[in-house]
Amino acid sequence: MTIADYPIAALDGQPLDLHGLEGKAVLIVNVASKCGLTPQYEGLEALQRTYGERGFTVLGVPCNQFGGQEPGTSEEIATFCSTNYGVTFPLTEKIDVNGPDRHPLYEKLTATSDAEGEAGDIQWNFEKFLLSPEGTIVRRFRPAVVPDAPELISAIESVLP
C-alpha cells in the first residue's frame, strides 16, 4: 500500500483523494494554528510556491494533540491559514496522529525513522514526512527542521519528478 491508499477527508469534510497526489513529491506536515512553530506555515507556503509547478505539494494535517494548539473548527482553521499565511496547499480534516485513535495514515508514517534512526510517535506540531512521486516515504523530519532547512530543500529537490 502507498500513502494514497489511506482514506482521509479534506478540511471541508469532503473525501480527499490522495491518489490525486500520485506522481508528485509530497511533504505531509501535522499543523497547528496556536503553536510557537506556527510561523512555519510561511515557509511551507514558500515551498509550495517554489516547487508546486515542478510536481510538489505540501499536505497540511491539522492536529490538536499537542497542548490543544489546534482548537478551531474546520472553518476557523481555513480562515486562519488563508488570512495569516496565504496557504494554497491542501489541508485535511483534523485528526489524531498519536495514541489509540491515530489515523491509519499516521500509523504508516510513524513507522518511518528520522535521521537519528528513531521511529514512533510524532513529537510535536510540524513534524514532516517527504514522499516520493511513487508514494513511498523518503525521509522524516522532526518539528525543529524548518521548511527552508538545507537538508529539507535538498531532499525535496532530489525527489521532484
C-alpha atoms as a PDB file:
ATOM      1  CA  MET A   1       0.000   0.000   0.000  1.00  0.00           C
ATOM      2  CA  THR A   2       1.065   3.548  -0.662  1.00  0.00           C
ATOM      3  CA  ILE A   3       0.028   6.596   1.317  1.00  0.00           C
ATOM      4  CA  ALA A   4      -2.657   7.260  -1.319  1.00  0.00           C
ATOM      5  CA  ASP A   5      -4.495   4.138  -0.163  1.00  0.00           C
ATOM      6  CA  TYR A   6      -5.362   5.617   3.257  1.00  0.00           C
ATOM      7  CA  PRO A   7      -8.714   7.436   3.131  1.00  0.00           C
ATOM      8  CA  ILE A   8      -8.836  10.886   4.714  1.00  0.00           C
ATOM      9  CA  ALA A   9     -11.163  13.848   4.360  1.00  0.00           C
ATOM     10  CA  ALA A  10     -10.225  17.338   3.268  1.00  0.00           C
ATOM     11  CA  LEU A  11     -10.638  20.185   5.764  1.00  0.00           C
ATOM     12  CA  ASP A  12     -14.125  20.858   4.364  1.00  0.00           C
ATOM     13  CA  GLY A  13     -15.180  17.281   5.195  1.00  0.00           C
ATOM     14  CA  GLN A  14     -15.259  16.057   1.606  1.00  0.00           C
ATOM     15  CA  PRO A  15     -13.186  12.961   0.746  1.00  0.00           C
ATOM     16  CA  LEU A  16      -9.621  13.879  -0.205  1.00  0.00           C
ATOM     17  CA  ASP A  17      -8.389  11.641  -2.992  1.00  0.00           C
ATOM     18  CA  LEU A  18      -4.726  11.141  -2.184  1.00  0.00           C
ATOM     19  CA  HIS A  19      -4.427   9.275  -5.497  1.00  0.00           C
ATOM     20  CA  GLY A  20      -4.605  12.765  -6.997  1.00  0.00           C
ATOM     21  CA  LEU A  21      -1.175  13.374  -5.458  1.00  0.00           C
ATOM     22  CA  GLU A  22       0.400  10.370  -7.170  1.00  0.00           C
ATOM     23  CA  GLY A  23       3.231  11.436  -9.400  1.00  0.00           C
ATOM     24  CA  LYS A  24       4.059  14.363  -7.085  1.00  0.00           C
ATOM     25  CA  ALA A  25       6.581  14.741  -4.310  1.00  0.00           C
ATOM     26  CA  VAL A  26       4.529  15.390  -1.155  1.00  0.00           C
ATOM     27  CA  LEU A  27       5.525  16.876   2.188  1.00  0.00           C
ATOM     28  CA  ILE A  28       2.995  15.787   4.844  1.00  0.00           C
ATOM     29  CA  VAL A  29       3.045  18.029   7.925  1.00  0.00           C
ATOM     30  CA  ASN A  30       0.906  17.922  11.078  1.00  0.00           C
ATOM     31  CA  VAL A  31      -0.003  21.568  11.628  1.00  0.00           C
ATOM     32  CA  ALA A  32      -1.467  23.780  14.359  1.00  0.00           C
ATOM     33  CA  SER A  33      -2.599  27.412  14.460  1.00  0.00           C
ATOM     34  CA  LYS A  34      -1.613  28.374  18.009  1.00  0.00           C
ATOM     35  CA  CYS A  35       1.872  26.906  18.350  1.00  0.00           C
ATOM     36  CA  GLY A  36       5.259  28.544  18.659  1.00  0.00           C
ATOM     37  CA  LEU A  37       6.093  26.749  15.398  1.00  0.00           C
ATOM     38  CA  THR A  38       3.008  28.073  13.569  1.00  0.00           C
ATOM     39  CA  PRO A  39       5.143  30.587  11.610  1.00  0.00           C
ATOM     40  CA  GLN A  40       6.443  27.522   9.725  1.00  0.00           C
ATOM     41  CA  TYR A  41       3.248  27.908   7.665  1.00  0.00           C
ATOM     42  CA  GLU A  42       5.033  30.781   5.905  1.00  0.00           C
ATOM     43  CA  GLY A  43       7.934  28.544   4.921  1.00  0.00           C
ATOM     44  CA  LEU A  44       5.637  25.697   3.904  1.00  0.00           C
ATOM     45  CA  GLU A  45       3.724  28.043   1.617  1.00  0.00           C
ATOM     46  CA  ALA A  46       7.050  29.264   0.183  1.00  0.00           C
ATOM     47  CA  LEU A  47       7.924  25.635  -0.634  1.00  0.00           C
ATOM     48  CA  GLN A  48       4.516  25.227  -2.282  1.00  0.00           C
ATOM     49  CA  ARG A  49       5.036  28.336  -4.413  1.00  0.00           C
ATOM     50  CA  THR A  50       8.629  27.447  -5.301  1.00  0.00           C
ATOM     51  CA  TYR A  51       8.143  23.798  -6.209  1.00  0.00           C
ATOM     52  CA  GLY A  52       4.406  23.441  -6.880  1.00  0.00           C
ATOM     53  CA  GLU A  53       4.730  23.767 -10.645  1.00  0.00           C
ATOM     54  CA  ARG A  54       7.535  21.202 -10.594  1.00  0.00           C
ATOM     55  CA  GLY A  55       5.395  18.375  -9.227  1.00  0.00           C
ATOM     56  CA  PHE A  56       5.434  19.042  -5.477  1.00  0.00           C
ATOM     57  CA  THR A  57       2.819  19.773  -2.847  1.00  0.00           C
ATOM     58  CA  VAL A  58       2.600  20.273   0.876  1.00  0.00           C
ATOM     59  CA  LEU A  59      -0.258  18.440   2.599  1.00  0.00           C
ATOM     60  CA  GLY A  60      -1.197  20.032   5.922  1.00  0.00           C
ATOM     61  CA  VAL A  61      -2.779  17.798   8.550  1.00  0.00           C
ATOM     62  CA  PRO A  62      -4.322  19.743  11.451  1.00  0.00           C
ATOM     63  CA  CYS A  63      -3.963  18.077  14.842  1.00  0.00           C
ATOM     64  CA  ASN A  64      -4.985  19.230  18.324  1.00  0.00           C
ATOM     65  CA  GLN A  65      -2.994  16.664  20.340  1.00  0.00           C
ATOM     66  CA  PHE A  66      -0.099  18.897  21.371  1.00  0.00           C
ATOM     67  CA  GLY A  67      -1.102  21.372  24.048  1.00  0.00           C
ATOM     68  CA  GLY A  68      -4.528  21.935  22.452  1.00  0.00           C
ATOM     69  CA  GLN A  69      -2.852  24.188  19.888  1.00  0.00           C
ATOM     70  CA  GLU A  70      -5.329  23.498  17.080  1.00  0.00           C
ATOM     71  CA  PRO A  71      -8.687  24.048  18.809  1.00  0.00           C
ATOM     72  CA  GLY A  72     -10.509  25.635  15.873  1.00  0.00           C
ATOM     73  CA  THR A  73     -13.286  24.342  13.684  1.00  0.00           C
ATOM     74  CA  SER A  74     -12.544  23.488  10.069  1.00  0.00           C
ATOM     75  CA  GLU A  75     -13.805  26.931   9.013  1.00  0.00           C
ATOM     76  CA  GLU A  76     -11.643  28.680  11.618  1.00  0.00           C
ATOM     77  CA  ILE A  77      -8.565  26.715  10.552  1.00  0.00           C
ATOM     78  CA  ALA A  78      -9.157  27.513   6.870  1.00  0.00           C
ATOM     79  CA  THR A  79      -9.676  31.206   7.597  1.00  0.00           C
ATOM     80  CA  PHE A  80      -6.604  31.390   9.828  1.00  0.00           C
ATOM     81  CA  CYS A  81      -4.377  29.711   7.238  1.00  0.00           C
ATOM     82  CA  SER A  82      -5.549  31.785   4.285  1.00  0.00           C
ATOM     83  CA  THR A  83      -5.709  35.121   6.130  1.00  0.00           C
ATOM     84  CA  ASN A  84      -2.420  34.890   8.031  1.00  0.00           C
ATOM     85  CA  TYR A  85      -0.238  32.828   5.701  1.00  0.00           C
ATOM     86  CA  GLY A  86      -1.942  32.770   2.299  1.00  0.00           C
ATOM     87  CA  VAL A  87      -1.945  28.966   2.373  1.00  0.00           C
ATOM     88  CA  THR A  88      -2.746  27.442  -1.019  1.00  0.00           C
ATOM     89  CA  PHE A  89      -1.737  23.840  -0.316  1.00  0.00           C
ATOM     90  CA  PRO A  90      -4.380  21.271   0.656  1.00  0.00           C
ATOM     91  CA  LEU A  91      -5.383  20.717   4.279  1.00  0.00           C
ATOM     92  CA  THR A  92      -7.002  17.569   5.629  1.00  0.00           C
ATOM     93  CA  GLU A  93      -9.576  17.136   8.341  1.00  0.00           C
ATOM     94  CA  LYS A  94      -8.302  17.466  11.912  1.00  0.00           C
ATOM     95  CA  ILE A  95      -7.049  14.047  13.068  1.00  0.00           C
ATOM     96  CA  ASP A  96      -5.094  12.308  15.824  1.00  0.00           C
ATOM     97  CA  VAL A  97      -1.514  11.475  14.872  1.00  0.00           C
ATOM     98  CA  ASN A  98      -0.672   9.576  18.089  1.00  0.00           C
ATOM     99  CA  GLY A  99      -2.473   7.317  20.511  1.00  0.00           C
ATOM    100  CA  PRO A 100      -5.320   4.832  20.235  1.00  0.00           C
ATOM    101  CA  ASP A 101      -7.256   6.989  17.733  1.00  0.00           C
ATOM    102  CA  ARG A 102      -4.230   7.597  15.498  1.00  0.00           C
ATOM    103  CA  HIS A 103      -5.351   7.916  11.891  1.00  0.00           C
ATOM    104  CA  PRO A 104      -4.225   4.955   9.710  1.00  0.00           C
ATOM    105  CA  LEU A 105      -2.208   7.360   7.546  1.00  0.00           C
ATOM    106  CA  TYR A 106      -0.097   8.197  10.585  1.00  0.00           C
ATOM    107  CA  GLU A 107       0.187   4.517  11.546  1.00  0.00           C
ATOM    108  CA  LYS A 108       2.097   4.169   8.274  1.00  0.00           C
ATOM    109  CA  LEU A 109       4.058   7.424   8.578  1.00  0.00           C
ATOM    110  CA  THR A 110       5.215   6.949  12.184  1.00  0.00           C
ATOM    111  CA  ALA A 111       6.805   3.606  11.314  1.00  0.00           C
ATOM    112  CA  THR A 112       9.437   5.650   9.442  1.00  0.00           C
ATOM    113  CA  SER A 113      12.666   6.543  11.257  1.00  0.00           C
ATOM    114  CA  ASP A 114      14.102  10.046  11.414  1.00  0.00           C
ATOM    115  CA  ALA A 115      17.766  10.956  10.749  1.00  0.00           C
ATOM    116  CA  GLU A 116      18.755   9.530  14.168  1.00  0.00           C
ATOM    117  CA  GLY A 117      17.036   6.217  13.456  1.00  0.00           C
ATOM    118  CA  GLU A 118      14.067   6.952  15.753  1.00  0.00           C
ATOM    119  CA  ALA A 119      10.600   5.895  14.611  1.00  0.00           C
ATOM    120  CA  GLY A 120       7.361   6.071  16.571  1.00  0.00           C
ATOM    121  CA  ASP A 121       5.126   8.808  17.874  1.00  0.00           C
ATOM    122  CA  ILE A 122       5.007  12.310  16.472  1.00  0.00           C
ATOM    123  CA  GLN A 123       6.940  14.553  18.864  1.00  0.00           C
ATOM    124  CA  TRP A 124       5.113  17.856  18.307  1.00  0.00           C
ATOM    125  CA  ASN A 125       3.390  20.027  15.739  1.00  0.00           C
ATOM    126  CA  PHE A 126       5.067  20.485  12.347  1.00  0.00           C
ATOM    127  CA  GLU A 127       6.724  17.096  12.044  1.00  0.00           C
ATOM    128  CA  LYS A 128       7.328  16.412   8.347  1.00  0.00           C
ATOM    129  CA  PHE A 129       7.329  13.367   6.063  1.00  0.00           C
ATOM    130  CA  LEU A 130       8.605  13.586   2.493  1.00  0.00           C
ATOM    131  CA  LEU A 131       7.069  11.202  -0.026  1.00  0.00           C
ATOM    132  CA  SER A 132       8.407  10.371  -3.461  1.00  0.00           C
ATOM    133  CA  PRO A 133       6.226  10.721  -6.570  1.00  0.00           C
ATOM    134  CA  GLU A 134       5.696   6.947  -6.285  1.00  0.00           C
ATOM    135  CA  GLY A 135       4.091   7.463  -2.861  1.00  0.00           C
ATOM    136  CA  THR A 136       6.853   5.946  -0.764  1.00  0.00           C
ATOM    137  CA  ILE A 137       8.162   7.658   2.369  1.00  0.00           C
ATOM    138  CA  VAL A 138      11.617   9.079   1.678  1.00  0.00           C
ATOM    139  CA  ARG A 139      12.508  10.972   4.872  1.00  0.00           C
ATOM    140  CA  ARG A 140      11.137  12.068   8.211  1.00  0.00           C
ATOM    141  CA  PHE A 141      11.981  15.484   9.622  1.00  0.00           C
ATOM    142  CA  ARG A 142      11.308  16.405  13.237  1.00  0.00           C
ATOM    143  CA  PRO A 143       9.493  19.671  14.115  1.00  0.00           C
ATOM    144  CA  ALA A 144      12.648  21.739  14.639  1.00  0.00           C
ATOM    145  CA  VAL A 145      13.627  21.252  10.976  1.00  0.00           C
ATOM    146  CA  VAL A 146      12.264  24.425   9.407  1.00  0.00           C
ATOM    147  CA  PRO A 147      10.883  24.451   5.852  1.00  0.00           C
ATOM    148  CA  ASP A 148      13.919  26.269   4.429  1.00  0.00           C
ATOM    149  CA  ALA A 149      16.480  23.997   6.146  1.00  0.00           C
ATOM    150  CA  PRO A 150      19.142  22.900   3.646  1.00  0.00           C
ATOM    151  CA  GLU A 151      18.566  19.201   4.373  1.00  0.00           C
ATOM    152  CA  LEU A 152      14.832  19.534   3.675  1.00  0.00           C
ATOM    153  CA  ILE A 153      15.331  21.568   0.491  1.00  0.00           C
ATOM    154  CA  SER A 154      17.925  19.081  -0.744  1.00  0.00           C
ATOM    155  CA  ALA A 155      15.630  16.139  -0.029  1.00  0.00           C
ATOM    156  CA  ILE A 156      12.709  17.791  -1.845  1.00  0.00           C
ATOM    157  CA  GLU A 157      14.833  18.633  -4.880  1.00  0.00           C
ATOM    158  CA  SER A 158      16.152  15.072  -5.007  1.00  0.00           C
ATOM    159  CA  VAL A 159      12.652  13.587  -5.430  1.00  0.00           C
ATOM    160  CA  LEU A 160      10.985  16.115  -7.722  1.00  0.00           C
ATOM    161  CA  PRO A 161       9.518  14.318 -10.751  1.00  0.00           C
END
